Amino acid sequence: MSFRHNVLALAAVLSAAACSTATGGQAQPVPTVTKAAGPQVVVGTMHVTLPPGAKYTQASEDGLLDGCVAEGTVVCEARLLDLHEATADPNAPINLPSAKRPFGWYTGTDVPTCITPASPPGQAAEATGSNLVESGFKPIGPKTAEYGRWEVTCKDETQNNQVRMWWLPTSKILVVQYGAFEGWNEKMDALLAGATFS
């Protein structure tokens, strides 16, 4: 028997031993834990894996859903945006993201709206206030992002919510989560923790 055949026979014996139980000697399947993963998304230099069942709209015809991450019936739970192009033009109508201003999560120059699971872009009420309740720095993969969390009040009070923002000023990547709520907060944190950059 050749050396290669000996190695293969030994591997087969070890595999069978690993699959058997100590009590009965009968082969039992080895339990495997697999973590379900959703689609892979690339935003600028950032690569992320969405939760299972989530989808990403890079660009929509009317622009309302650009960069939106959605799950189930919710149209836009979060936005993942590459702002390289928008920030390259000094005349572009943009407010840079910042945890130092009330609506720091909103980059537009018009009035922000209250995007929630029940009020998607284009149907959301006007935001009337944005109170910063947490700020500092949080990771996005190996990078450190400026972070802020705001309590947002709306013209339609049923749409009052929280907004979380992560901003990478060098990479020019903005992440905004609308309606910070139990379950999605953890998914968003896991999504960003697993981010890689090219």
N, C-alpha and C. Protein backbone atom coordinates (compact mmCIF):
# COMPACT_ATOMS: atom_id res chain seq x y z
N MET A 1 0.85 -1.18 0.00
CA MET A 1 0.00 0.00 0.00
C MET A 1 0.89 1.23 0.00
N SER A 2 0.59 2.19 -0.84
CA SER A 2 1.42 3.38 -0.96
C SER A 2 1.21 4.31 0.23
N PHE A 3 2.12 5.25 0.40
CA PHE A 3 2.02 6.25 1.48
C PHE A 3 0.72 7.03 1.37
N ARG A 4 0.32 7.42 0.15
CA ARG A 4 -0.92 8.19 -0.07
C ARG A 4 -2.13 7.40 0.41
N HIS A 5 -2.17 6.08 0.09
CA HIS A 5 -3.28 5.23 0.52
C HIS A 5 -3.32 5.10 2.03
N ASN A 6 -2.13 5.02 2.67
CA ASN A 6 -2.06 4.95 4.14
C ASN A 6 -2.65 6.21 4.77
N VAL A 7 -2.31 7.37 4.22
CA VAL A 7 -2.80 8.65 4.74
C VAL A 7 -4.32 8.72 4.59
N LEU A 8 -4.84 8.31 3.42
CA LEU A 8 -6.28 8.33 3.20
C LEU A 8 -7.01 7.38 4.15
N ALA A 9 -6.45 6.19 4.38
CA ALA A 9 -7.06 5.21 5.28
C ALA A 9 -7.08 5.76 6.70
N LEU A 10 -5.98 6.38 7.12
CA LEU A 10 -5.91 6.96 8.46
C LEU A 10 -6.93 8.09 8.61
N ALA A 11 -7.09 8.92 7.60
CA ALA A 11 -8.07 10.02 7.63
C ALA A 11 -9.48 9.47 7.76
N ALA A 12 -9.78 8.37 7.06
CA ALA A 12 -11.11 7.77 7.12
C ALA A 12 -11.38 7.21 8.51
N VAL A 13 -10.37 6.56 9.14
CA VAL A 13 -10.52 6.02 10.48
C VAL A 13 -10.75 7.15 11.48
N LEU A 14 -9.98 8.22 11.38
CA LEU A 14 -10.12 9.35 12.30
C LEU A 14 -11.48 10.03 12.12
N SER A 15 -11.95 10.14 10.90
CA SER A 15 -13.26 10.74 10.65
C SER A 15 -14.36 9.91 11.28
N ALA A 16 -14.28 8.59 11.14
CA ALA A 16 -15.29 7.71 11.71
C ALA A 16 -15.26 7.79 13.23
N ALA A 17 -14.07 7.87 13.81
CA ALA A 17 -13.94 7.97 15.27
C ALA A 17 -14.53 9.28 15.76
N ALA A 18 -14.32 10.34 15.04
CA ALA A 18 -14.84 11.65 15.45
C ALA A 18 -16.36 11.68 15.41
N CYS A 19 -16.98 10.87 14.54
CA CYS A 19 -18.43 10.88 14.40
C CYS A 19 -19.12 9.91 15.33
N SER A 20 -18.37 9.02 16.01
CA SER A 20 -19.03 8.05 16.87
C SER A 20 -19.12 8.56 18.29
N THR A 21 -20.06 7.99 19.05
CA THR A 21 -20.23 8.39 20.45
C THR A 21 -19.38 7.50 21.32
N ALA A 22 -19.10 7.93 22.52
CA ALA A 22 -18.27 7.15 23.44
C ALA A 22 -19.05 5.98 24.01
N THR A 23 -20.36 6.03 24.00
CA THR A 23 -21.16 4.98 24.63
C THR A 23 -21.53 3.86 23.68
N GLY A 24 -22.05 4.17 22.51
CA GLY A 24 -22.58 3.12 21.66
C GLY A 24 -21.69 2.73 20.53
N GLY A 25 -20.74 3.52 20.18
CA GLY A 25 -19.88 3.22 19.06
C GLY A 25 -20.55 3.40 17.72
N GLN A 26 -21.84 3.75 17.71
CA GLN A 26 -22.53 3.96 16.45
C GLN A 26 -22.22 5.36 15.93
N ALA A 27 -22.07 5.46 14.64
CA ALA A 27 -21.76 6.76 14.03
C ALA A 27 -22.92 7.71 14.22
N GLN A 28 -22.63 8.89 14.74
CA GLN A 28 -23.61 9.94 14.93
C GLN A 28 -23.15 11.17 14.16
N PRO A 29 -24.06 11.90 13.54
CA PRO A 29 -23.63 13.09 12.84
C PRO A 29 -23.09 14.13 13.82
N VAL A 30 -22.03 14.78 13.41
CA VAL A 30 -21.44 15.84 14.23
C VAL A 30 -22.28 17.09 14.02
N PRO A 31 -22.82 17.68 15.13
CA PRO A 31 -23.64 18.87 14.94
C PRO A 31 -22.80 20.04 14.43
N THR A 32 -23.34 20.72 13.48
CA THR A 32 -22.64 21.89 12.95
C THR A 32 -23.51 23.11 13.18
N VAL A 33 -22.85 24.18 13.54
CA VAL A 33 -23.56 25.44 13.75
C VAL A 33 -23.19 26.35 12.59
N THR A 34 -24.19 26.70 11.81
CA THR A 34 -23.93 27.61 10.71
C THR A 34 -24.70 28.89 10.96
N LYS A 35 -24.05 29.98 10.71
CA LYS A 35 -24.69 31.27 10.89
C LYS A 35 -25.23 31.71 9.55
N ALA A 36 -26.55 31.86 9.50
CA ALA A 36 -27.16 32.27 8.23
C ALA A 36 -26.72 33.67 7.88
N ALA A 37 -26.45 33.90 6.64
CA ALA A 37 -26.02 35.21 6.19
C ALA A 37 -26.84 35.62 4.98
N GLY A 38 -27.08 36.91 4.89
CA GLY A 38 -27.83 37.47 3.77
C GLY A 38 -26.89 37.90 2.66
N PRO A 39 -27.38 38.78 1.79
CA PRO A 39 -26.58 39.23 0.65
C PRO A 39 -25.37 40.06 1.06
N GLN A 40 -24.36 39.97 0.22
CA GLN A 40 -23.15 40.80 0.38
C GLN A 40 -23.38 42.13 -0.33
N VAL A 41 -22.98 43.22 0.31
CA VAL A 41 -23.18 44.55 -0.25
C VAL A 41 -21.86 45.31 -0.21
N VAL A 42 -21.57 46.05 -1.28
CA VAL A 42 -20.38 46.89 -1.33
C VAL A 42 -20.84 48.34 -1.44
N VAL A 43 -20.38 49.16 -0.49
CA VAL A 43 -20.69 50.60 -0.48
C VAL A 43 -19.36 51.33 -0.40
N GLY A 44 -18.96 51.96 -1.51
CA GLY A 44 -17.64 52.57 -1.55
C GLY A 44 -16.59 51.50 -1.34
N THR A 45 -15.78 51.65 -0.29
CA THR A 45 -14.75 50.65 0.02
C THR A 45 -15.22 49.67 1.09
N MET A 46 -16.45 49.83 1.59
CA MET A 46 -16.96 48.99 2.66
C MET A 46 -17.73 47.78 2.11
N HIS A 47 -17.45 46.61 2.68
CA HIS A 47 -18.14 45.36 2.32
C HIS A 47 -18.87 44.88 3.57
N VAL A 48 -20.18 44.64 3.46
CA VAL A 48 -20.96 44.15 4.60
C VAL A 48 -21.85 43.00 4.16
N THR A 49 -22.25 42.20 5.13
CA THR A 49 -23.20 41.11 4.90
C THR A 49 -24.49 41.49 5.60
N LEU A 50 -25.57 41.56 4.84
CA LEU A 50 -26.87 41.93 5.39
C LEU A 50 -27.46 40.75 6.17
N PRO A 51 -28.40 41.03 7.08
CA PRO A 51 -29.09 39.93 7.75
C PRO A 51 -29.87 39.10 6.73
N PRO A 52 -30.13 37.82 7.01
CA PRO A 52 -30.92 37.00 6.09
C PRO A 52 -32.28 37.65 5.84
N GLY A 53 -32.70 37.67 4.59
CA GLY A 53 -33.99 38.25 4.24
C GLY A 53 -33.96 39.75 3.97
N ALA A 54 -32.84 40.40 4.27
CA ALA A 54 -32.74 41.85 4.02
C ALA A 54 -32.31 42.10 2.59
N LYS A 55 -32.63 43.29 2.08
CA LYS A 55 -32.19 43.65 0.73
C LYS A 55 -31.66 45.08 0.75
N TYR A 56 -30.86 45.40 -0.25
CA TYR A 56 -30.22 46.71 -0.36
C TYR A 56 -30.57 47.32 -1.71
N THR A 57 -31.02 48.57 -1.69
CA THR A 57 -31.31 49.29 -2.92
C THR A 57 -30.22 50.32 -3.14
N GLN A 58 -29.30 50.02 -4.05
CA GLN A 58 -28.20 50.96 -4.29
C GLN A 58 -28.73 52.27 -4.85
N ALA A 59 -29.63 52.18 -5.82
CA ALA A 59 -30.22 53.38 -6.43
C ALA A 59 -31.63 53.06 -6.88
N SER A 60 -32.53 54.00 -6.62
CA SER A 60 -33.92 53.84 -7.08
C SER A 60 -34.21 54.95 -8.09
N GLU A 61 -35.24 54.75 -8.90
CA GLU A 61 -35.54 55.71 -9.97
C GLU A 61 -35.78 57.12 -9.45
N ASP A 62 -36.50 57.24 -8.34
CA ASP A 62 -36.79 58.58 -7.80
C ASP A 62 -35.76 59.05 -6.78
N GLY A 63 -34.79 58.20 -6.45
CA GLY A 63 -33.75 58.57 -5.50
C GLY A 63 -34.17 58.45 -4.04
N LEU A 64 -35.44 58.20 -3.78
CA LEU A 64 -35.92 58.17 -2.40
C LEU A 64 -35.37 56.98 -1.60
N LEU A 65 -35.08 55.89 -2.30
CA LEU A 65 -34.63 54.69 -1.61
C LEU A 65 -33.14 54.42 -1.80
N ASP A 66 -32.41 55.40 -2.31
CA ASP A 66 -30.97 55.20 -2.52
C ASP A 66 -30.29 54.78 -1.23
N GLY A 67 -29.56 53.66 -1.29
CA GLY A 67 -28.79 53.19 -0.14
C GLY A 67 -29.59 52.53 0.95
N CYS A 68 -30.89 52.28 0.71
CA CYS A 68 -31.74 51.73 1.77
C CYS A 68 -31.54 50.23 1.98
N VAL A 69 -31.52 49.84 3.26
CA VAL A 69 -31.56 48.44 3.67
C VAL A 69 -32.98 48.20 4.17
N ALA A 70 -33.61 47.13 3.71
CA ALA A 70 -34.99 46.85 4.07
C ALA A 70 -35.16 45.39 4.42
N GLU A 71 -36.11 45.13 5.34
CA GLU A 71 -36.45 43.78 5.74
C GLU A 71 -37.96 43.65 5.75
N GLY A 72 -38.48 42.54 5.26
CA GLY A 72 -39.92 42.31 5.32
C GLY A 72 -40.71 43.41 4.65
N THR A 73 -41.68 43.95 5.38
CA THR A 73 -42.54 45.00 4.81
C THR A 73 -41.97 46.40 5.04
N VAL A 74 -40.87 46.49 5.81
CA VAL A 74 -40.26 47.80 6.07
C VAL A 74 -39.47 48.21 4.84
N VAL A 75 -39.71 49.43 4.36
CA VAL A 75 -39.11 49.88 3.11
C VAL A 75 -37.68 50.38 3.28
N CYS A 76 -37.38 51.02 4.42
CA CYS A 76 -36.04 51.59 4.62
C CYS A 76 -35.72 51.67 6.11
N GLU A 77 -35.02 50.65 6.61
CA GLU A 77 -34.64 50.63 8.03
C GLU A 77 -33.34 51.40 8.27
N ALA A 78 -32.50 51.42 7.25
CA ALA A 78 -31.20 52.06 7.39
C ALA A 78 -30.71 52.46 6.01
N ARG A 79 -29.73 53.36 6.01
CA ARG A 79 -29.08 53.75 4.76
C ARG A 79 -27.58 53.54 4.88
N LEU A 80 -27.00 52.99 3.82
CA LEU A 80 -25.56 52.81 3.70
C LEU A 80 -25.16 53.62 2.47
N LEU A 81 -24.44 54.71 2.69
CA LEU A 81 -24.17 55.64 1.58
C LEU A 81 -22.69 55.94 1.42
N ASP A 82 -22.24 55.98 0.18
CA ASP A 82 -20.90 56.44 -0.17
C ASP A 82 -21.05 57.91 -0.58
N LEU A 83 -20.49 58.82 0.21
CA LEU A 83 -20.65 60.25 -0.08
C LEU A 83 -19.44 60.87 -0.78
N HIS A 84 -18.57 60.02 -1.35
CA HIS A 84 -17.39 60.55 -2.06
C HIS A 84 -17.77 61.58 -3.11
N GLU A 85 -18.68 61.21 -3.98
CA GLU A 85 -19.06 62.08 -5.09
C GLU A 85 -19.73 63.36 -4.58
N ALA A 86 -20.62 63.21 -3.62
CA ALA A 86 -21.35 64.37 -3.09
C ALA A 86 -20.43 65.35 -2.39
N THR A 87 -19.41 64.84 -1.70
CA THR A 87 -18.51 65.74 -0.96
C THR A 87 -17.38 66.28 -1.82
N ALA A 88 -17.17 65.72 -3.02
CA ALA A 88 -16.10 66.19 -3.89
C ALA A 88 -16.42 67.54 -4.52
N ASP A 89 -17.70 67.83 -4.70
CA ASP A 89 -18.13 69.09 -5.32
C ASP A 89 -18.34 70.14 -4.23
N PRO A 90 -17.50 71.20 -4.20
CA PRO A 90 -17.64 72.21 -3.15
C PRO A 90 -18.96 72.99 -3.23
N ASN A 91 -19.63 72.95 -4.37
CA ASN A 91 -20.91 73.65 -4.53
C ASN A 91 -22.12 72.75 -4.31
N ALA A 92 -21.88 71.48 -3.98
CA ALA A 92 -23.00 70.54 -3.78
C ALA A 92 -23.78 70.94 -2.53
N PRO A 93 -25.11 70.89 -2.61
CA PRO A 93 -25.94 71.22 -1.44
C PRO A 93 -25.96 70.06 -0.44
N ILE A 94 -24.96 70.02 0.43
CA ILE A 94 -24.84 68.91 1.39
C ILE A 94 -24.35 69.44 2.73
N ASN A 95 -24.90 68.90 3.78
CA ASN A 95 -24.39 69.11 5.13
C ASN A 95 -23.63 67.86 5.52
N LEU A 96 -22.36 68.01 5.90
CA LEU A 96 -21.59 66.84 6.29
C LEU A 96 -22.17 66.26 7.58
N PRO A 97 -22.20 64.93 7.69
CA PRO A 97 -22.70 64.31 8.91
C PRO A 97 -21.86 64.75 10.11
N SER A 98 -22.52 64.94 11.26
CA SER A 98 -21.81 65.37 12.46
C SER A 98 -22.68 65.16 13.69
N ALA A 99 -22.06 64.64 14.74
CA ALA A 99 -22.78 64.49 16.02
C ALA A 99 -22.77 65.81 16.79
N LYS A 100 -22.28 66.86 16.17
CA LYS A 100 -22.20 68.15 16.84
C LYS A 100 -23.33 69.09 16.46
N ARG A 101 -24.27 68.62 15.64
CA ARG A 101 -25.42 69.46 15.29
C ARG A 101 -26.71 68.67 15.46
N PRO A 102 -27.83 69.36 15.71
CA PRO A 102 -29.08 68.67 16.01
C PRO A 102 -29.52 67.63 14.98
N PHE A 103 -29.50 67.97 13.71
CA PHE A 103 -29.90 67.01 12.66
C PHE A 103 -28.64 66.47 11.97
N GLY A 104 -27.62 66.14 12.77
CA GLY A 104 -26.32 65.73 12.24
C GLY A 104 -26.34 64.49 11.38
N TRP A 105 -27.37 63.69 11.47
CA TRP A 105 -27.52 62.47 10.68
C TRP A 105 -28.07 62.77 9.29
N TYR A 106 -28.58 64.00 9.09
CA TYR A 106 -29.23 64.35 7.83
C TYR A 106 -28.29 65.21 6.99
N THR A 107 -28.02 64.77 5.75
CA THR A 107 -27.06 65.47 4.90
C THR A 107 -27.71 66.48 3.96
N GLY A 108 -29.02 66.47 3.87
CA GLY A 108 -29.71 67.39 2.97
C GLY A 108 -29.70 68.81 3.51
N THR A 109 -30.09 69.76 2.67
CA THR A 109 -30.17 71.15 3.09
C THR A 109 -31.62 71.60 3.24
N ASP A 110 -32.56 70.69 2.98
CA ASP A 110 -33.98 71.00 3.19
C ASP A 110 -34.39 70.48 4.57
N VAL A 111 -35.67 70.37 4.83
CA VAL A 111 -36.16 69.91 6.13
C VAL A 111 -36.13 68.38 6.18
N PRO A 112 -35.52 67.81 7.23
CA PRO A 112 -35.49 66.35 7.35
C PRO A 112 -36.88 65.78 7.59
N THR A 113 -37.05 64.51 7.25
CA THR A 113 -38.33 63.83 7.50
C THR A 113 -38.11 62.67 8.47
N CYS A 114 -39.21 62.19 9.04
CA CYS A 114 -39.18 61.14 10.05
C CYS A 114 -39.41 59.77 9.42
N ILE A 115 -38.37 59.18 8.88
CA ILE A 115 -38.47 57.87 8.26
C ILE A 115 -38.59 56.82 9.36
N THR A 116 -39.62 56.00 9.30
CA THR A 116 -39.85 54.92 10.27
C THR A 116 -40.38 53.71 9.50
N PRO A 117 -40.52 52.55 10.16
CA PRO A 117 -41.12 51.41 9.47
C PRO A 117 -42.50 51.71 8.89
N ALA A 118 -43.24 52.61 9.54
CA ALA A 118 -44.59 52.94 9.07
C ALA A 118 -44.62 54.16 8.16
N SER A 119 -43.49 54.84 8.02
CA SER A 119 -43.46 56.05 7.19
C SER A 119 -42.19 56.07 6.35
N PRO A 120 -42.21 55.40 5.20
CA PRO A 120 -41.02 55.30 4.35
C PRO A 120 -40.68 56.64 3.70
N PRO A 121 -39.49 56.74 3.10
CA PRO A 121 -39.13 57.97 2.39
C PRO A 121 -40.22 58.35 1.39
N GLY A 122 -40.53 59.61 1.34
CA GLY A 122 -41.57 60.09 0.44
C GLY A 122 -42.92 60.18 1.10
N GLN A 123 -43.11 59.48 2.22
CA GLN A 123 -44.39 59.51 2.94
C GLN A 123 -44.20 59.97 4.39
N ALA A 124 -42.97 60.23 4.79
CA ALA A 124 -42.68 60.57 6.18
C ALA A 124 -43.04 62.02 6.48
N ALA A 125 -43.44 62.26 7.71
CA ALA A 125 -43.77 63.62 8.16
C ALA A 125 -42.48 64.43 8.36
N GLU A 126 -42.63 65.73 8.39
CA GLU A 126 -41.52 66.64 8.63
C GLU A 126 -41.00 66.45 10.06
N ALA A 127 -39.68 66.46 10.21
CA ALA A 127 -39.08 66.39 11.54
C ALA A 127 -39.11 67.79 12.16
N THR A 128 -39.49 67.87 13.42
CA THR A 128 -39.57 69.17 14.10
C THR A 128 -38.45 69.37 15.12
N GLY A 129 -37.79 68.29 15.51
CA GLY A 129 -36.70 68.41 16.47
C GLY A 129 -35.81 67.18 16.44
N SER A 130 -34.57 67.36 16.89
CA SER A 130 -33.61 66.26 16.89
C SER A 130 -32.64 66.51 18.04
N ASN A 131 -32.84 65.80 19.14
CA ASN A 131 -32.07 66.00 20.35
C ASN A 131 -31.01 64.92 20.49
N LEU A 132 -29.73 65.31 20.50
CA LEU A 132 -28.63 64.35 20.62
C LEU A 132 -28.63 63.75 22.03
N VAL A 133 -28.72 62.42 22.14
CA VAL A 133 -28.75 61.76 23.45
C VAL A 133 -27.51 60.89 23.69
N GLU A 134 -26.73 60.63 22.66
CA GLU A 134 -25.51 59.83 22.81
C GLU A 134 -24.57 60.17 21.68
N SER A 135 -23.29 60.32 21.99
CA SER A 135 -22.31 60.56 20.94
C SER A 135 -20.96 60.02 21.38
N GLY A 136 -20.09 59.85 20.41
CA GLY A 136 -18.76 59.32 20.69
C GLY A 136 -18.23 58.63 19.45
N PHE A 137 -17.59 57.49 19.66
CA PHE A 137 -17.01 56.74 18.56
C PHE A 137 -17.39 55.27 18.70
N LYS A 138 -17.70 54.65 17.56
CA LYS A 138 -18.04 53.23 17.54
C LYS A 138 -17.36 52.60 16.32
N PRO A 139 -17.09 51.29 16.40
CA PRO A 139 -16.40 50.64 15.28
C PRO A 139 -17.32 50.29 14.11
N ILE A 140 -16.74 50.37 12.93
CA ILE A 140 -17.30 49.76 11.73
C ILE A 140 -16.18 48.85 11.24
N GLY A 141 -16.28 47.56 11.54
CA GLY A 141 -15.18 46.65 11.22
C GLY A 141 -13.91 47.14 11.91
N PRO A 142 -12.80 47.27 11.15
CA PRO A 142 -11.55 47.71 11.76
C PRO A 142 -11.44 49.23 11.91
N LYS A 143 -12.41 49.97 11.41
CA LYS A 143 -12.34 51.44 11.45
C LYS A 143 -13.16 51.99 12.61
N THR A 144 -12.87 53.23 12.97
CA THR A 144 -13.59 53.92 14.04
C THR A 144 -14.42 55.03 13.44
N ALA A 145 -15.72 54.99 13.70
CA ALA A 145 -16.65 55.97 13.13
C ALA A 145 -17.10 56.97 14.19
N GLU A 146 -17.38 58.19 13.75
CA GLU A 146 -18.05 59.14 14.62
C GLU A 146 -19.48 58.62 14.77
N TYR A 147 -19.99 58.62 15.99
CA TYR A 147 -21.30 58.01 16.27
C TYR A 147 -22.20 59.01 16.99
N GLY A 148 -23.49 58.96 16.65
CA GLY A 148 -24.47 59.76 17.37
C GLY A 148 -25.82 59.07 17.38
N ARG A 149 -26.59 59.33 18.44
CA ARG A 149 -27.96 58.82 18.52
C ARG A 149 -28.84 59.99 18.95
N TRP A 150 -29.91 60.20 18.20
CA TRP A 150 -30.81 61.32 18.42
C TRP A 150 -32.23 60.85 18.73
N GLU A 151 -32.94 61.58 19.58
CA GLU A 151 -34.39 61.44 19.74
C GLU A 151 -35.00 62.44 18.78
N VAL A 152 -35.77 61.95 17.83
CA VAL A 152 -36.33 62.82 16.79
C VAL A 152 -37.84 62.98 17.02
N THR A 153 -38.28 64.22 16.99
CA THR A 153 -39.71 64.51 17.10
C THR A 153 -40.22 64.91 15.72
N CYS A 154 -41.50 64.63 15.50
CA CYS A 154 -42.07 64.81 14.16
C CYS A 154 -43.39 65.56 14.22
N LYS A 155 -43.73 66.16 13.08
CA LYS A 155 -45.02 66.84 12.96
C LYS A 155 -46.16 65.88 13.29
N ASP A 156 -46.05 64.66 12.81
CA ASP A 156 -46.97 63.59 13.18
C ASP A 156 -46.31 62.85 14.35
N GLU A 157 -46.78 63.08 15.56
CA GLU A 157 -46.12 62.55 16.76
C GLU A 157 -46.04 61.03 16.80
N THR A 158 -46.90 60.35 16.05
CA THR A 158 -46.82 58.88 16.02
C THR A 158 -45.55 58.41 15.33
N GLN A 159 -44.85 59.32 14.62
CA GLN A 159 -43.62 58.96 13.93
C GLN A 159 -42.37 59.34 14.72
N ASN A 160 -42.52 59.88 15.94
CA ASN A 160 -41.35 60.18 16.77
C ASN A 160 -40.51 58.92 16.90
N ASN A 161 -39.20 59.07 16.79
CA ASN A 161 -38.34 57.89 16.82
C ASN A 161 -36.92 58.25 17.23
N GLN A 162 -36.05 57.28 17.12
CA GLN A 162 -34.62 57.51 17.33
C GLN A 162 -33.89 57.26 16.03
N VAL A 163 -32.79 57.97 15.86
CA VAL A 163 -31.94 57.79 14.69
C VAL A 163 -30.51 57.58 15.19
N ARG A 164 -29.85 56.55 14.63
CA ARG A 164 -28.43 56.34 14.94
C ARG A 164 -27.62 56.58 13.67
N MET A 165 -26.41 57.15 13.86
CA MET A 165 -25.55 57.49 12.73
C MET A 165 -24.11 57.08 13.01
N TRP A 166 -23.46 56.53 11.99
CA TRP A 166 -22.02 56.26 11.99
C TRP A 166 -21.44 56.98 10.78
N TRP A 167 -20.34 57.72 10.97
CA TRP A 167 -19.75 58.50 9.88
C TRP A 167 -18.25 58.25 9.86
N LEU A 168 -17.77 57.82 8.67
CA LEU A 168 -16.33 57.64 8.44
C LEU A 168 -15.86 58.79 7.54
N PRO A 169 -15.31 59.86 8.11
CA PRO A 169 -14.99 61.03 7.30
C PRO A 169 -13.91 60.82 6.25
N THR A 170 -12.97 59.91 6.50
CA THR A 170 -11.92 59.66 5.51
C THR A 170 -12.45 58.78 4.38
N SER A 171 -13.17 57.73 4.73
CA SER A 171 -13.76 56.83 3.73
C SER A 171 -14.99 57.43 3.08
N LYS A 172 -15.56 58.49 3.70
CA LYS A 172 -16.77 59.18 3.21
C LYS A 172 -17.98 58.22 3.15
N ILE A 173 -18.07 57.36 4.16
CA ILE A 173 -19.19 56.42 4.23
C ILE A 173 -20.08 56.80 5.41
N LEU A 174 -21.36 56.93 5.12
CA LEU A 174 -22.36 57.28 6.12
C LEU A 174 -23.33 56.12 6.30
N VAL A 175 -23.58 55.76 7.56
CA VAL A 175 -24.58 54.76 7.90
C VAL A 175 -25.59 55.43 8.82
N VAL A 176 -26.86 55.37 8.44
CA VAL A 176 -27.93 55.94 9.26
C VAL A 176 -28.97 54.86 9.50
N GLN A 177 -29.31 54.65 10.76
CA GLN A 177 -30.36 53.69 11.12
C GLN A 177 -31.57 54.48 11.61
N TYR A 178 -32.71 54.26 10.98
CA TYR A 178 -33.95 54.95 11.34
C TYR A 178 -34.74 54.10 12.34
N GLY A 179 -35.24 54.75 13.39
CA GLY A 179 -36.08 54.03 14.35
C GLY A 179 -35.31 52.95 15.07
N ALA A 180 -34.34 53.36 15.92
CA ALA A 180 -33.56 52.40 16.67
C ALA A 180 -34.48 51.60 17.58
N PHE A 181 -34.63 50.30 17.33
CA PHE A 181 -35.53 49.49 18.13
C PHE A 181 -34.92 48.12 18.39
N GLU A 182 -35.44 47.47 19.44
CA GLU A 182 -34.94 46.16 19.87
C GLU A 182 -34.93 45.18 18.69
N GLY A 183 -33.88 44.41 18.59
CA GLY A 183 -33.78 43.45 17.49
C GLY A 183 -33.00 44.01 16.33
N TRP A 184 -33.48 45.11 15.76
CA TRP A 184 -32.77 45.70 14.63
C TRP A 184 -31.48 46.35 15.09
N ASN A 185 -31.46 46.94 16.30
CA ASN A 185 -30.22 47.51 16.82
C ASN A 185 -29.11 46.46 16.82
N GLU A 186 -29.42 45.27 17.33
CA GLU A 186 -28.42 44.21 17.40
C GLU A 186 -27.99 43.77 16.00
N LYS A 187 -28.94 43.66 15.09
CA LYS A 187 -28.60 43.27 13.70
C LYS A 187 -27.69 44.32 13.07
N MET A 188 -28.01 45.58 13.31
CA MET A 188 -27.20 46.67 12.73
C MET A 188 -25.78 46.65 13.31
N ASP A 189 -25.68 46.46 14.63
CA ASP A 189 -24.36 46.40 15.26
C ASP A 189 -23.55 45.23 14.72
N ALA A 190 -24.19 44.07 14.53
CA ALA A 190 -23.49 42.89 14.00
C ALA A 190 -23.06 43.12 12.56
N LEU A 191 -23.96 43.72 11.76
CA LEU A 191 -23.65 44.02 10.36
C LEU A 191 -22.40 44.90 10.27
N LEU A 192 -22.35 45.95 11.10
CA LEU A 192 -21.21 46.87 11.05
C LEU A 192 -19.95 46.27 11.66
N ALA A 193 -20.11 45.43 12.68
CA ALA A 193 -18.93 44.78 13.29
C ALA A 193 -18.23 43.89 12.28
N GLY A 194 -18.99 43.28 11.38
CA GLY A 194 -18.42 42.37 10.39
C GLY A 194 -17.94 43.06 9.11
N ALA A 195 -18.01 44.37 9.06
CA ALA A 195 -17.60 45.09 7.85
C ALA A 195 -16.12 44.94 7.57
N THR A 196 -15.80 44.84 6.29
CA THR A 196 -14.39 44.85 5.86
C THR A 196 -14.23 45.95 4.82
N PHE A 197 -12.99 46.32 4.55
CA PHE A 197 -12.71 47.41 3.62
C PHE A 197 -11.65 47.00 2.62
N SER A 198 -11.81 47.48 1.39
CA SER A 198 -10.83 47.16 0.34
C SER A 198 -10.06 48.40 -0.04
